[in-house]
Amino acid sequence: MSGTIKIKGGLPPEGEALCKTCRWVHMQRGFRESEEAIFCNFANLRAVHFKVAECSDFENRSVPRQWQLEDMALLINVPPARKPTGFGPGAGFAGRGDGDEESCTSTE
């Protein structure tokens, strides 16, 4: 039988810092794990002294921005599927040339 144990007031399990995948990060790493400097570049450059689990300004850098998606989009010109609305040419009484107009006039 296995289950999840929650301890109130305890520390969350240590994981990967959210800053490492953020668009606004400026990161410097050395050869050792202790040689790492992380700066947040959102609004102004400021140092981050701890691993961040949640951030209100986080923006994933692996997801392209809207303007990048629009630049990548392939534009395809497709003719409209609908026919134009209204009556076509020659429909109605004005377009008919049957010669009925001449019979209605008097020749006195």
C-alpha atoms as a PDB file:
ATOM      1  CA  MET A   1       0.000   0.000   0.000  1.00  0.00           C
ATOM      2  CA  SER A   2       1.552   3.283  -1.135  1.00  0.00           C
ATOM      3  CA  GLY A   3       0.269   6.794  -0.748  1.00  0.00           C
ATOM      4  CA  THR A   4       1.325  10.389  -0.681  1.00  0.00           C
ATOM      5  CA  ILE A   5       2.234  11.912   2.639  1.00  0.00           C
ATOM      6  CA  LYS A   6       1.780  15.667   3.053  1.00  0.00           C
ATOM      7  CA  ILE A   7       3.488  17.491   5.877  1.00  0.00           C
ATOM      8  CA  LYS A   8       2.065  20.896   6.760  1.00  0.00           C
ATOM      9  CA  GLY A   9       4.700  23.578   6.996  1.00  0.00           C
ATOM     10  CA  GLY A  10       7.325  21.316   5.430  1.00  0.00           C
ATOM     11  CA  LEU A  11       9.608  22.233   2.564  1.00  0.00           C
ATOM     12  CA  PRO A  12       8.628  21.200  -0.974  1.00  0.00           C
ATOM     13  CA  PRO A  13      10.861  18.686  -2.723  1.00  0.00           C
ATOM     14  CA  GLU A  14      13.794  20.335  -4.454  1.00  0.00           C
ATOM     15  CA  GLY A  15      13.463  20.549  -8.212  1.00  0.00           C
ATOM     16  CA  GLU A  16      14.696  22.427 -11.238  1.00  0.00           C
ATOM     17  CA  ALA A  17      14.608  26.225 -11.057  1.00  0.00           C
ATOM     18  CA  LEU A  18      11.866  27.838 -13.130  1.00  0.00           C
ATOM     19  CA  CYS A  19      14.297  30.534 -14.263  1.00  0.00           C
ATOM     20  CA  LYS A  20      16.275  28.076 -16.412  1.00  0.00           C
ATOM     21  CA  THR A  21      13.438  27.886 -18.964  1.00  0.00           C
ATOM     22  CA  CYS A  22      12.291  31.516 -18.745  1.00  0.00           C
ATOM     23  CA  ARG A  23      12.608  34.003 -21.605  1.00  0.00           C
ATOM     24  CA  TRP A  24      13.752  36.787 -19.249  1.00  0.00           C
ATOM     25  CA  VAL A  25      16.704  34.986 -17.626  1.00  0.00           C
ATOM     26  CA  HIS A  26      20.367  35.931 -17.873  1.00  0.00           C
ATOM     27  CA  MET A  27      22.364  32.989 -16.561  1.00  0.00           C
ATOM     28  CA  GLN A  28      26.067  32.459 -15.988  1.00  0.00           C
ATOM     29  CA  ARG A  29      27.430  29.016 -15.110  1.00  0.00           C
ATOM     30  CA  GLY A  30      30.858  27.868 -14.097  1.00  0.00           C
ATOM     31  CA  PHE A  31      32.256  24.361 -14.113  1.00  0.00           C
ATOM     32  CA  ARG A  32      30.936  23.490 -10.654  1.00  0.00           C
ATOM     33  CA  GLU A  33      27.301  23.415  -9.596  1.00  0.00           C
ATOM     34  CA  SER A  34      27.999  26.101  -7.010  1.00  0.00           C
ATOM     35  CA  GLU A  35      29.292  28.437  -9.747  1.00  0.00           C
ATOM     36  CA  GLU A  36      26.026  29.765 -11.073  1.00  0.00           C
ATOM     37  CA  ALA A  37      24.639  33.288 -11.224  1.00  0.00           C
ATOM     38  CA  ILE A  38      21.042  33.910 -12.307  1.00  0.00           C
ATOM     39  CA  PHE A  39      19.632  37.341 -13.134  1.00  0.00           C
ATOM     40  CA  CYS A  40      16.032  38.193 -13.976  1.00  0.00           C
ATOM     41  CA  ASN A  41      15.825  40.624 -16.875  1.00  0.00           C
ATOM     42  CA  PHE A  42      12.077  41.367 -16.649  1.00  0.00           C
ATOM     43  CA  ALA A  43      11.645  45.183 -16.430  1.00  0.00           C
ATOM     44  CA  ASN A  44      15.167  45.638 -14.994  1.00  0.00           C
ATOM     45  CA  LEU A  45      18.142  43.396 -14.316  1.00  0.00           C
ATOM     46  CA  ARG A  46      18.121  41.984 -10.779  1.00  0.00           C
ATOM     47  CA  ALA A  47      19.902  39.070  -9.154  1.00  0.00           C
ATOM     48  CA  VAL A  48      17.997  35.946  -8.105  1.00  0.00           C
ATOM     49  CA  HIS A  49      19.589  34.373  -5.017  1.00  0.00           C
ATOM     50  CA  PHE A  50      17.463  31.210  -4.744  1.00  0.00           C
ATOM     51  CA  LYS A  51      15.771  28.586  -6.918  1.00  0.00           C
ATOM     52  CA  VAL A  52      12.409  29.928  -8.064  1.00  0.00           C
ATOM     53  CA  ALA A  53       9.421  27.544  -7.974  1.00  0.00           C
ATOM     54  CA  GLU A  54       6.721  30.014  -9.126  1.00  0.00           C
ATOM     55  CA  CYS A  55       6.940  33.381 -10.880  1.00  0.00           C
ATOM     56  CA  SER A  56       4.226  35.811 -11.978  1.00  0.00           C
ATOM     57  CA  ASP A  57       6.336  37.040 -14.934  1.00  0.00           C
ATOM     58  CA  PHE A  58       7.430  33.607 -16.205  1.00  0.00           C
ATOM     59  CA  GLU A  59       7.391  33.244 -19.997  1.00  0.00           C
ATOM     60  CA  ASN A  60       8.522  29.927 -21.452  1.00  0.00           C
ATOM     61  CA  ARG A  61      11.234  30.553 -24.029  1.00  0.00           C
ATOM     62  CA  SER A  62      10.570  27.305 -25.893  1.00  0.00           C
ATOM     63  CA  VAL A  63       7.123  28.574 -26.948  1.00  0.00           C
ATOM     64  CA  PRO A  64       7.293  31.066 -29.842  1.00  0.00           C
ATOM     65  CA  ARG A  65       5.645  34.459 -29.469  1.00  0.00           C
ATOM     66  CA  GLN A  66       2.604  35.465 -31.539  1.00  0.00           C
ATOM     67  CA  TRP A  67       4.569  37.609 -34.003  1.00  0.00           C
ATOM     68  CA  GLN A  68       7.029  34.735 -34.541  1.00  0.00           C
ATOM     69  CA  LEU A  69       4.140  32.399 -35.332  1.00  0.00           C
ATOM     70  CA  GLU A  70       2.687  34.945 -37.758  1.00  0.00           C
ATOM     71  CA  ASP A  71       6.052  35.219 -39.525  1.00  0.00           C
ATOM     72  CA  MET A  72       6.220  31.417 -39.851  1.00  0.00           C
ATOM     73  CA  ALA A  73       2.641  31.073 -41.092  1.00  0.00           C
ATOM     74  CA  LEU A  74       2.145  29.946 -44.677  1.00  0.00           C
ATOM     75  CA  LEU A  75      -0.409  32.148 -46.407  1.00  0.00           C
ATOM     76  CA  ILE A  76      -2.608  30.274 -48.855  1.00  0.00           C
ATOM     77  CA  ASN A  77      -4.895  32.175 -51.230  1.00  0.00           C
ATOM     78  CA  VAL A  78      -8.086  30.177 -51.530  1.00  0.00           C
ATOM     79  CA  PRO A  79     -10.969  31.355 -53.715  1.00  0.00           C
ATOM     80  CA  PRO A  80     -14.174  31.937 -51.747  1.00  0.00           C
ATOM     81  CA  ALA A  81     -16.416  28.888 -51.552  1.00  0.00           C
ATOM     82  CA  ARG A  82     -19.639  30.920 -51.788  1.00  0.00           C
ATOM     83  CA  LYS A  83     -21.131  32.419 -54.891  1.00  0.00           C
ATOM     84  CA  PRO A  84     -21.698  36.170 -54.838  1.00  0.00           C
ATOM     85  CA  THR A  85     -25.047  37.153 -53.368  1.00  0.00           C
ATOM     86  CA  GLY A  86     -27.817  38.840 -55.314  1.00  0.00           C
ATOM     87  CA  PHE A  87     -29.182  38.368 -58.800  1.00  0.00           C
ATOM     88  CA  GLY A  88     -26.882  37.536 -61.644  1.00  0.00           C
ATOM     89  CA  PRO A  89     -26.587  39.575 -64.831  1.00  0.00           C
ATOM     90  CA  GLY A  90     -29.641  39.405 -67.107  1.00  0.00           C
ATOM     91  CA  ALA A  91     -32.062  38.530 -64.336  1.00  0.00           C
ATOM     92  CA  GLY A  92     -35.269  40.537 -64.007  1.00  0.00           C
ATOM     93  CA  PHE A  93     -37.157  42.683 -66.522  1.00  0.00           C
ATOM     94  CA  ALA A  94     -34.517  45.280 -67.324  1.00  0.00           C
ATOM     95  CA  GLY A  95     -32.041  42.818 -68.745  1.00  0.00           C
ATOM     96  CA  ARG A  96     -34.460  41.051 -71.101  1.00  0.00           C
ATOM     97  CA  GLY A  97     -34.387  42.198 -74.703  1.00  0.00           C
ATOM     98  CA  ASP A  98     -37.525  40.399 -75.982  1.00  0.00           C
ATOM     99  CA  GLY A  99     -38.851  43.366 -77.910  1.00  0.00           C
ATOM    100  CA  ASP A 100     -41.903  43.776 -75.627  1.00  0.00           C
ATOM    101  CA  GLU A 101     -41.101  47.457 -75.215  1.00  0.00           C
ATOM    102  CA  GLU A 102     -41.893  48.254 -78.846  1.00  0.00           C
ATOM    103  CA  SER A 103     -45.350  46.697 -78.742  1.00  0.00           C
ATOM    104  CA  CYS A 104     -46.398  48.838 -75.807  1.00  0.00           C
ATOM    105  CA  THR A 105     -45.775  52.165 -77.517  1.00  0.00           C
ATOM    106  CA  SER A 106     -48.448  53.748 -79.738  1.00  0.00           C
ATOM    107  CA  THR A 107     -47.611  54.791 -83.299  1.00  0.00           C
ATOM    108  CA  GLU A 108     -50.293  57.408 -83.946  1.00  0.00           C
END
